[in-house]
């Protein structure tokens, strides 16, 4: 569906007025941060966690602005109401300026893109791409390398690409977090090297509450076959199993991963959007 309104600095405006000046060096150079939230049946998922990460991303790159957590939360509620949005994604773009008073916050609704249901059954294919982000904990607009990795993956018929750092370890997907699983232990790349996804945070909470262990570990592509399985997580995809990485076909989905997927789906249905 089309969404007719967006929010700029807390003011609701018609969508056709959503413009960014061509002279904005900050936008051209990627001096900004963003977040994407999930809304389902008017329930906003993990709102405070997303706002907290938006603010932390801005702090990490030195982007000063006048917006408070409360103002952002209120603006999100207003734009959902104005667009009469039942199910959508909410995107926030916080763009810096030479002084904090001129920073701009855009909030708007998007139609969500959900993975094909067969991917949850059969798993998704991935390629690899050598790249590591400058600020792993900041979700910035400087996404060129991730875009190129994703485009290359799609050109080869894959679902996405896994990013490989200078040490040869898998860090994350272009827009997802990465995990391996063996028995009831979930292995995650080291937190210092990755974006700390909000869905990842919720997933690990569910896992630990259901007697899964969580361990940080360096994971190389050739090592993935030694685990029972691998998977990714994100706001829109939830948990998607990995079927193959480059030409390496993984084992069939283990029962403990299938169980975790069901547990996480149940959690999302009952959590009322809160961790």
Protein backbone atom coordinates (compact mmCIF):
# COMPACT_ATOMS: atom_id res chain seq x y z
CA UNK A 1 0.00 0.00 0.00
CA UNK A 2 1.01 3.63 -0.44
CA UNK A 3 1.80 5.76 2.60
CA UNK A 4 0.90 9.42 2.07
CA UNK A 5 2.72 11.05 4.96
CA UNK A 6 6.13 11.18 6.61
CA UNK A 7 7.58 12.94 9.63
CA UNK A 8 10.38 15.51 9.44
CA UNK A 9 11.79 16.70 12.77
CA UNK A 10 8.51 15.77 14.44
CA UNK A 11 6.25 17.51 11.90
CA UNK A 12 3.95 15.41 9.70
CA UNK A 13 4.10 16.36 6.02
CA UNK A 14 2.80 14.98 2.68
CA UNK A 15 5.10 12.34 1.18
CA UNK A 16 5.76 14.44 -1.93
CA UNK A 17 7.55 16.96 0.30
CA UNK A 18 10.12 14.36 1.42
CA UNK A 19 13.24 15.87 -0.13
CA UNK A 20 16.92 16.13 0.78
CA UNK A 21 18.94 19.00 -0.69
CA UNK A 22 21.47 18.02 -3.34
CA UNK A 23 23.89 20.38 -1.60
CA UNK A 24 23.80 18.32 1.62
CA UNK A 25 27.40 17.16 2.00
CA UNK A 26 26.45 15.24 5.13
CA UNK A 27 23.94 13.12 3.22
CA UNK A 28 26.25 12.73 0.20
CA UNK A 29 29.09 11.53 2.43
CA UNK A 30 26.90 9.21 4.49
CA UNK A 31 27.08 11.24 7.73
CA UNK A 32 23.91 9.79 9.11
CA UNK A 33 22.43 6.80 10.90
CA UNK A 34 19.24 4.82 10.49
CA UNK A 35 16.95 2.21 12.01
CA UNK A 36 14.19 -0.04 10.69
CA UNK A 37 11.36 -1.19 12.96
CA UNK A 38 8.68 -3.80 12.44
CA UNK A 39 4.99 -2.97 12.90
CA UNK A 40 2.46 -5.79 12.85
CA UNK A 41 -1.25 -5.23 13.55
CA UNK A 42 -0.28 -1.78 14.88
CA UNK A 43 2.10 -3.35 17.39
CA UNK A 44 5.53 -1.72 17.22
CA UNK A 45 8.27 -4.22 18.00
CA UNK A 46 11.15 -3.32 20.31
CA UNK A 47 10.60 0.43 19.94
CA UNK A 48 12.77 1.58 22.83
CA UNK A 49 15.62 -0.74 21.79
CA UNK A 50 15.64 0.65 18.25
CA UNK A 51 15.58 4.24 19.46
CA UNK A 52 18.38 3.48 21.90
CA UNK A 53 20.50 2.04 19.08
CA UNK A 54 19.75 5.02 16.81
CA UNK A 55 21.03 7.35 19.52
CA UNK A 56 24.07 5.18 20.18
CA UNK A 57 24.91 5.02 16.47
CA UNK A 58 24.78 8.83 16.31
CA UNK A 59 27.01 9.10 19.37
CA UNK A 60 29.60 6.72 17.93
CA UNK A 61 30.08 8.76 14.75
CA UNK A 62 29.86 12.12 16.53
CA UNK A 63 26.51 13.15 15.04
CA UNK A 64 25.00 15.73 17.36
CA UNK A 65 21.28 16.50 17.17
CA UNK A 66 18.45 18.02 19.25
CA UNK A 67 16.10 15.01 19.26
CA UNK A 68 15.15 13.16 22.45
CA UNK A 69 14.07 9.55 22.83
CA UNK A 70 10.59 10.72 23.81
CA UNK A 71 10.24 12.96 20.77
CA UNK A 72 11.27 10.10 18.44
CA UNK A 73 8.85 7.69 20.08
CA UNK A 74 6.00 10.18 19.83
CA UNK A 75 6.75 10.90 16.16
CA UNK A 76 6.70 7.19 15.30
CA UNK A 77 3.29 6.79 16.91
CA UNK A 78 1.96 9.84 15.06
CA UNK A 79 3.13 8.72 11.62
CA UNK A 80 1.65 5.24 12.08
CA UNK A 81 -1.66 6.84 13.08
CA UNK A 82 -1.64 9.38 10.24
CA UNK A 83 -0.95 6.70 7.62
CA UNK A 84 -3.43 4.29 9.23
CA UNK A 85 -0.67 1.70 8.99
CA UNK A 86 -1.57 -1.77 10.26
CA UNK A 87 1.50 -3.70 9.10
CA UNK A 88 4.62 -1.97 7.80
CA UNK A 89 8.25 -1.18 8.45
CA UNK A 90 9.17 2.14 9.99
CA UNK A 91 12.42 3.67 8.81
CA UNK A 92 14.23 6.43 10.67
CA UNK A 93 16.96 8.48 8.98
CA UNK A 94 18.95 10.83 11.20
CA UNK A 95 21.16 13.04 9.02
CA UNK A 96 23.86 15.22 10.50
CA UNK A 97 24.64 18.88 9.85
CA UNK A 98 27.45 21.36 10.60
CA UNK A 99 25.61 22.20 13.82
CA UNK A 100 23.26 20.02 15.82
CA UNK A 101 20.25 22.34 15.49
CA UNK A 102 20.16 21.66 11.73
CA UNK A 103 20.29 17.87 11.95
CA UNK A 104 17.28 16.26 10.31
CA UNK A 105 15.19 13.30 11.42
CA UNK A 106 13.00 11.63 8.81
CA UNK A 107 10.52 8.92 9.85
CA UNK A 108 8.40 7.12 7.26
CA UNK A 109 6.48 3.92 6.56
CA UNK A 110 7.57 1.26 4.07
CA UNK A 111 5.93 -1.90 2.85
CA UNK A 112 7.83 -4.81 4.44
CA UNK A 113 9.67 -7.33 2.27
CA UNK A 114 9.30 -10.79 3.76
CA UNK A 115 11.41 -13.79 2.70
CA UNK A 116 9.78 -16.52 0.64
CA UNK A 117 8.26 -19.04 3.05
CA UNK A 118 10.20 -21.91 1.44
CA UNK A 119 13.43 -20.37 2.75
CA UNK A 120 12.36 -21.20 6.30
CA UNK A 121 11.87 -24.81 5.21
CA UNK A 122 14.77 -25.27 2.81
CA UNK A 123 17.27 -22.64 3.95
CA UNK A 124 18.85 -19.77 2.01
CA UNK A 125 21.98 -19.65 -0.12
CA UNK A 126 24.78 -17.19 0.66
CA UNK A 127 27.93 -15.95 -0.99
CA UNK A 128 30.89 -14.35 0.82
CA UNK A 129 32.41 -10.89 0.45
CA UNK A 130 35.54 -9.47 2.03
CA UNK A 131 34.61 -6.31 3.92
CA UNK A 132 34.48 -5.01 7.48
CA UNK A 133 32.66 -1.87 8.55
CA UNK A 134 34.62 1.02 10.08
CA UNK A 135 32.19 1.42 12.99
CA UNK A 136 30.75 -2.06 13.68
CA UNK A 137 28.34 -0.86 16.40
CA UNK A 138 26.94 2.08 14.40
CA UNK A 139 24.18 1.62 11.82
CA UNK A 140 25.33 4.33 9.43
CA UNK A 141 24.29 5.50 5.96
CA UNK A 142 27.72 4.56 4.65
CA UNK A 143 26.49 1.30 3.13
CA UNK A 144 28.23 1.20 -0.26
CA UNK A 145 30.27 -1.95 0.37
CA UNK A 146 27.28 -3.75 1.87
CA UNK A 147 25.23 -2.74 -1.17
CA UNK A 148 27.88 -4.06 -3.54
CA UNK A 149 28.12 -7.32 -1.59
CA UNK A 150 24.34 -7.73 -1.65
CA UNK A 151 24.15 -6.93 -5.38
CA UNK A 152 26.88 -9.44 -6.18
CA UNK A 153 25.04 -12.08 -4.14
CA UNK A 154 21.76 -11.43 -5.96
CA UNK A 155 23.50 -11.57 -9.34
CA UNK A 156 24.71 -15.08 -8.47
CA UNK A 157 21.22 -16.14 -7.40
CA UNK A 158 21.98 -16.10 -3.65
CA UNK A 159 19.80 -14.69 -0.90
CA UNK A 160 22.53 -12.50 0.62
CA UNK A 161 26.26 -12.26 1.29
CA UNK A 162 28.19 -12.97 4.47
CA UNK A 163 30.91 -10.43 5.24
CA UNK A 164 34.45 -11.67 5.91
CA UNK A 165 36.91 -9.59 7.93
CA UNK A 166 40.69 -9.23 7.54
CA UNK A 167 41.25 -12.29 9.75
CA UNK A 168 39.10 -14.47 7.52
CA UNK A 169 36.21 -14.66 10.00
CA UNK A 170 32.51 -14.32 9.19
CA UNK A 171 31.11 -11.25 10.93
CA UNK A 172 27.54 -10.77 9.66
CA UNK A 173 25.35 -10.49 6.58
CA UNK A 174 24.89 -7.27 4.65
CA UNK A 175 21.76 -6.58 6.72
CA UNK A 176 21.59 -9.56 9.06
CA UNK A 177 23.32 -11.17 12.02
CA UNK A 178 24.98 -14.57 11.63
CA UNK A 179 25.04 -17.63 13.94
CA UNK A 180 26.06 -21.27 14.04
CA UNK A 181 24.48 -23.93 16.24
CA UNK A 182 25.73 -27.25 17.66
CA UNK A 183 23.45 -29.22 19.96
CA UNK A 184 21.96 -26.50 22.20
CA UNK A 185 24.86 -24.07 21.91
CA UNK A 186 24.52 -20.99 19.70
CA UNK A 187 27.77 -19.54 18.43
CA UNK A 188 27.94 -15.89 17.47
CA UNK A 189 30.81 -13.87 16.01
CA UNK A 190 32.49 -11.67 18.59
CA UNK A 191 30.30 -8.72 19.57
CA UNK A 192 33.13 -6.22 19.14
CA UNK A 193 33.14 -7.01 15.41
CA UNK A 194 29.42 -6.83 14.58
CA UNK A 195 26.33 -4.66 14.61
CA UNK A 196 24.36 -5.61 17.72
CA UNK A 197 21.03 -6.30 16.08
CA UNK A 198 17.81 -5.74 18.01
CA UNK A 199 16.35 -8.97 16.62
CA UNK A 200 19.61 -10.68 17.59
CA UNK A 201 19.16 -9.38 21.14
CA UNK A 202 15.60 -10.75 21.28
CA UNK A 203 16.63 -14.08 19.75
CA UNK A 204 19.42 -14.63 22.28
CA UNK A 205 17.07 -13.74 25.13
CA UNK A 206 14.59 -16.40 23.94
CA UNK A 207 17.39 -18.93 23.49
CA UNK A 208 18.85 -18.44 26.96
CA UNK A 209 15.41 -18.61 28.57
CA UNK A 210 14.96 -22.00 26.90
CA UNK A 211 18.23 -23.58 28.05
CA UNK A 212 20.36 -22.81 25.00
CA UNK A 213 23.88 -21.65 25.68
CA UNK A 214 25.44 -18.72 23.83
CA UNK A 215 29.13 -18.48 23.01
CA UNK A 216 31.17 -15.82 21.17
CA UNK A 217 33.68 -17.31 18.77
CA UNK A 218 35.66 -16.56 15.61
CA UNK A 219 34.00 -18.53 12.78
CA UNK A 220 35.68 -19.11 9.43
CA UNK A 221 33.76 -20.20 6.35
CA UNK A 222 35.47 -23.60 6.21
CA UNK A 223 34.57 -24.22 9.87
CA UNK A 224 30.81 -23.84 9.39
CA UNK A 225 30.49 -27.45 8.20
CA UNK A 226 31.67 -28.60 11.65
CA UNK A 227 28.49 -27.24 13.26
CA UNK A 228 25.01 -28.74 13.13
CA UNK A 229 23.74 -25.73 11.20
CA UNK A 230 23.90 -22.00 10.62
CA UNK A 231 21.32 -19.22 10.37
CA UNK A 232 20.79 -15.46 10.15
CA UNK A 233 18.39 -13.05 11.83
CA UNK A 234 16.94 -9.63 11.04
CA UNK A 235 13.89 -7.46 11.67
CA UNK A 236 11.96 -8.62 8.60
CA UNK A 237 13.27 -12.18 8.24
CA UNK A 238 13.27 -13.29 11.92
CA UNK A 239 15.35 -16.53 11.73
CA UNK A 240 16.32 -17.95 8.33
CA UNK A 241 18.40 -21.16 8.13
CA UNK A 242 21.42 -21.23 5.82
CA UNK A 243 21.48 -23.97 3.21
CA UNK A 244 24.83 -23.18 1.59
CA UNK A 245 27.74 -20.73 1.67
CA UNK A 246 29.46 -20.27 -1.68
CA UNK A 247 29.64 -23.87 -2.94
CA UNK A 248 29.63 -25.46 0.52
CA UNK A 249 26.29 -27.17 1.21
CA UNK A 250 25.52 -27.46 4.92
CA UNK A 251 23.84 -30.25 6.82
CA UNK A 252 20.02 -30.42 6.94
CA UNK A 253 18.45 -28.16 9.56
CA UNK A 254 19.00 -29.66 13.01
CA UNK A 255 16.04 -30.19 15.32
CA UNK A 256 17.35 -27.68 17.85
CA UNK A 257 17.32 -24.95 15.20
CA UNK A 258 13.77 -25.81 14.16
CA UNK A 259 12.79 -25.68 17.82
CA UNK A 260 14.43 -22.29 18.27
CA UNK A 261 12.60 -20.92 15.22
CA UNK A 262 9.27 -22.02 16.70
CA UNK A 263 10.15 -20.61 20.11
CA UNK A 264 11.05 -17.26 18.57
CA UNK A 265 7.83 -17.13 16.52
CA UNK A 266 5.85 -17.82 19.70
CA UNK A 267 7.74 -15.10 21.54
CA UNK A 268 6.97 -12.52 18.84
CA UNK A 269 3.28 -13.38 19.01
CA UNK A 270 3.08 -13.00 22.79
CA UNK A 271 5.68 -10.36 23.73
CA UNK A 272 3.52 -7.33 22.88
CA UNK A 273 6.49 -5.72 21.17
CA UNK A 274 8.71 -5.66 24.26
CA UNK A 275 11.87 -7.50 25.25
